[in-house]
Amino acid sequence: MAARIKKGDKVTVLAGKDKGKTGEVLLVIPERDRVLVQGINLVKKHQKQTASEEAGIKQKELSIHVSNVAIIDSETSKPTRIGFKFLDDGKKVRYAKKSGEVIDG
């Protein structure tokens, strides 16, 4: 599968408890088709004390399936699907299907 969503992309959540929220992709896990989005799918983890960390209840993000997120089109500020095309110099780039704008230049 081609990498439609990459680290650093601004995405919006399409389904689940955080539907409608937006965030930046922190990590992509291609072998499991999942992404880690900043501030999305937060859970509380009970942390045991270690030599480097204090004990307590920590909040952390869990991954979300890639089908439940969509890239935000920078031109329209709305979710859009991603397509691929080749530029005149032969470089393959991603583009927003709604506006036709190239995402990675």
C-alpha atoms as a PDB file:
ATOM      1  CA  MET A   1       0.000   0.000   0.000  1.00  0.00           C
ATOM      2  CA  ALA A   2       1.282   3.430  -0.886  1.00  0.00           C
ATOM      3  CA  ALA A   3       2.004   5.868   1.933  1.00  0.00           C
ATOM      4  CA  ARG A   4      -0.977   8.207   1.673  1.00  0.00           C
ATOM      5  CA  ILE A   5      -0.549   9.599   5.198  1.00  0.00           C
ATOM      6  CA  LYS A   6       2.891  10.576   6.462  1.00  0.00           C
ATOM      7  CA  LYS A   7       4.435  11.895   9.671  1.00  0.00           C
ATOM      8  CA  GLY A   8       3.714  15.597  10.107  1.00  0.00           C
ATOM      9  CA  ASP A   9       0.434  15.638   8.144  1.00  0.00           C
ATOM     10  CA  LYS A  10      -2.543  17.482   9.633  1.00  0.00           C
ATOM     11  CA  VAL A  11      -5.445  15.033   9.849  1.00  0.00           C
ATOM     12  CA  THR A  12      -9.015  14.930  11.103  1.00  0.00           C
ATOM     13  CA  VAL A  13     -10.694  11.921  12.729  1.00  0.00           C
ATOM     14  CA  LEU A  14     -13.638  10.519  10.756  1.00  0.00           C
ATOM     15  CA  ALA A  15     -14.906   7.873  13.215  1.00  0.00           C
ATOM     16  CA  GLY A  16     -14.702   6.858  16.853  1.00  0.00           C
ATOM     17  CA  LYS A  17     -14.827   8.667  20.177  1.00  0.00           C
ATOM     18  CA  ASP A  18     -12.679  11.552  18.883  1.00  0.00           C
ATOM     19  CA  LYS A  19     -14.690  12.110  15.674  1.00  0.00           C
ATOM     20  CA  GLY A  20     -14.236  15.642  14.345  1.00  0.00           C
ATOM     21  CA  LYS A  21     -11.009  16.383  16.226  1.00  0.00           C
ATOM     22  CA  THR A  22      -7.835  17.319  14.384  1.00  0.00           C
ATOM     23  CA  GLY A  23      -4.182  16.719  15.108  1.00  0.00           C
ATOM     24  CA  GLU A  24      -0.749  16.099  13.665  1.00  0.00           C
ATOM     25  CA  VAL A  25       0.506  12.627  12.789  1.00  0.00           C
ATOM     26  CA  LEU A  26       3.354  11.695  15.164  1.00  0.00           C
ATOM     27  CA  LEU A  27       4.046   8.149  13.943  1.00  0.00           C
ATOM     28  CA  VAL A  28       2.949   5.892  11.092  1.00  0.00           C
ATOM     29  CA  ILE A  29       2.862   2.108  11.589  1.00  0.00           C
ATOM     30  CA  PRO A  30       2.521   0.796   7.998  1.00  0.00           C
ATOM     31  CA  GLU A  31       2.650  -2.923   8.830  1.00  0.00           C
ATOM     32  CA  ARG A  32      -0.490  -2.548  10.989  1.00  0.00           C
ATOM     33  CA  ASP A  33      -2.130   0.281   8.945  1.00  0.00           C
ATOM     34  CA  ARG A  34      -2.239   2.550  11.999  1.00  0.00           C
ATOM     35  CA  VAL A  35      -1.217   6.125  12.833  1.00  0.00           C
ATOM     36  CA  LEU A  36      -0.478   7.910  16.098  1.00  0.00           C
ATOM     37  CA  VAL A  37      -2.119  11.351  16.168  1.00  0.00           C
ATOM     38  CA  GLN A  38      -1.262  14.033  18.720  1.00  0.00           C
ATOM     39  CA  GLY A  39      -4.067  14.487  21.277  1.00  0.00           C
ATOM     40  CA  ILE A  40      -6.282  11.766  19.765  1.00  0.00           C
ATOM     41  CA  ASN A  41      -7.343   8.454  21.371  1.00  0.00           C
ATOM     42  CA  LEU A  42      -6.002   9.423  24.801  1.00  0.00           C
ATOM     43  CA  VAL A  43      -6.018   6.746  27.512  1.00  0.00           C
ATOM     44  CA  LYS A  44      -4.929   6.748  31.129  1.00  0.00           C
ATOM     45  CA  LYS A  45      -2.113   4.368  32.000  1.00  0.00           C
ATOM     46  CA  HIS A  46      -1.285   3.413  35.583  1.00  0.00           C
ATOM     47  CA  GLN A  47       2.512   3.706  35.747  1.00  0.00           C
ATOM     48  CA  LYS A  48       4.560   1.779  38.279  1.00  0.00           C
ATOM     49  CA  GLN A  49       7.543   3.623  39.690  1.00  0.00           C
ATOM     50  CA  THR A  50      10.865   2.971  37.981  1.00  0.00           C
ATOM     51  CA  ALA A  51      14.354   4.367  38.432  1.00  0.00           C
ATOM     52  CA  SER A  52      13.694   7.046  35.810  1.00  0.00           C
ATOM     53  CA  GLU A  53       9.939   7.695  36.200  1.00  0.00           C
ATOM     54  CA  GLU A  54       7.618   8.625  39.019  1.00  0.00           C
ATOM     55  CA  ALA A  55       4.578   6.463  39.792  1.00  0.00           C
ATOM     56  CA  GLY A  56       1.151   7.787  38.858  1.00  0.00           C
ATOM     57  CA  ILE A  57      -1.560   7.891  36.252  1.00  0.00           C
ATOM     58  CA  LYS A  58      -0.195   9.081  32.898  1.00  0.00           C
ATOM     59  CA  GLN A  59      -2.114  10.054  29.771  1.00  0.00           C
ATOM     60  CA  LYS A  60      -0.846   8.799  26.434  1.00  0.00           C
ATOM     61  CA  GLU A  61      -2.032   8.462  22.848  1.00  0.00           C
ATOM     62  CA  LEU A  62      -2.821   5.097  21.312  1.00  0.00           C
ATOM     63  CA  SER A  63      -2.777   4.445  17.589  1.00  0.00           C
ATOM     64  CA  ILE A  64      -5.866   4.761  15.404  1.00  0.00           C
ATOM     65  CA  HIS A  65      -6.593   2.895  12.179  1.00  0.00           C
ATOM     66  CA  VAL A  66      -5.570   4.791   9.056  1.00  0.00           C
ATOM     67  CA  SER A  67      -9.081   4.396   7.558  1.00  0.00           C
ATOM     68  CA  ASN A  68     -10.486   6.542  10.380  1.00  0.00           C
ATOM     69  CA  VAL A  69      -8.431   9.637   9.514  1.00  0.00           C
ATOM     70  CA  ALA A  70      -8.324  11.976   6.516  1.00  0.00           C
ATOM     71  CA  ILE A  71      -5.791  14.636   5.577  1.00  0.00           C
ATOM     72  CA  ILE A  72      -6.952  18.237   5.902  1.00  0.00           C
ATOM     73  CA  ASP A  73      -6.734  20.163   2.640  1.00  0.00           C
ATOM     74  CA  SER A  74      -4.693  23.302   3.349  1.00  0.00           C
ATOM     75  CA  GLU A  75      -6.660  25.279   0.753  1.00  0.00           C
ATOM     76  CA  THR A  76     -10.209  24.485   1.950  1.00  0.00           C
ATOM     77  CA  SER A  77      -9.477  23.366   5.553  1.00  0.00           C
ATOM     78  CA  LYS A  78     -11.730  20.321   5.010  1.00  0.00           C
ATOM     79  CA  PRO A  79     -10.940  16.580   4.913  1.00  0.00           C
ATOM     80  CA  THR A  80      -9.912  15.287   1.512  1.00  0.00           C
ATOM     81  CA  ARG A  81      -8.814  12.092  -0.150  1.00  0.00           C
ATOM     82  CA  ILE A  82      -5.292  11.720  -1.483  1.00  0.00           C
ATOM     83  CA  GLY A  83      -4.196  10.904  -5.001  1.00  0.00           C
ATOM     84  CA  PHE A  84      -0.838  10.436  -6.673  1.00  0.00           C
ATOM     85  CA  LYS A  85       0.446  12.065  -9.841  1.00  0.00           C
ATOM     86  CA  PHE A  86       3.711  12.655 -11.625  1.00  0.00           C
ATOM     87  CA  LEU A  87       5.051  16.159 -12.169  1.00  0.00           C
ATOM     88  CA  ASP A  88       6.695  17.288 -15.401  1.00  0.00           C
ATOM     89  CA  ASP A  89      10.139  16.462 -14.016  1.00  0.00           C
ATOM     90  CA  GLY A  90       8.991  12.865 -13.289  1.00  0.00           C
ATOM     91  CA  LYS A  91       8.670  13.261  -9.526  1.00  0.00           C
ATOM     92  CA  LYS A  92       5.752  11.371  -7.911  1.00  0.00           C
ATOM     93  CA  VAL A  93       3.766  13.559  -5.478  1.00  0.00           C
ATOM     94  CA  ARG A  94       0.614  13.374  -3.369  1.00  0.00           C
ATOM     95  CA  TYR A  95      -2.226  15.769  -4.132  1.00  0.00           C
ATOM     96  CA  ALA A  96      -5.573  16.671  -2.560  1.00  0.00           C
ATOM     97  CA  LYS A  97      -8.424  15.331  -4.677  1.00  0.00           C
ATOM     98  CA  LYS A  98     -10.859  18.138  -3.684  1.00  0.00           C
ATOM     99  CA  SER A  99      -8.666  21.096  -4.655  1.00  0.00           C
ATOM    100  CA  GLY A 100      -5.977  19.453  -6.799  1.00  0.00           C
ATOM    101  CA  GLU A 101      -3.270  21.089  -4.666  1.00  0.00           C
ATOM    102  CA  VAL A 102       0.072  19.264  -4.377  1.00  0.00           C
ATOM    103  CA  ILE A 103       0.749  18.210  -0.770  1.00  0.00           C
ATOM    104  CA  ASP A 104       4.471  17.431  -0.888  1.00  0.00           C
ATOM    105  CA  GLY A 105       6.323  19.748  -3.227  1.00  0.00           C
END
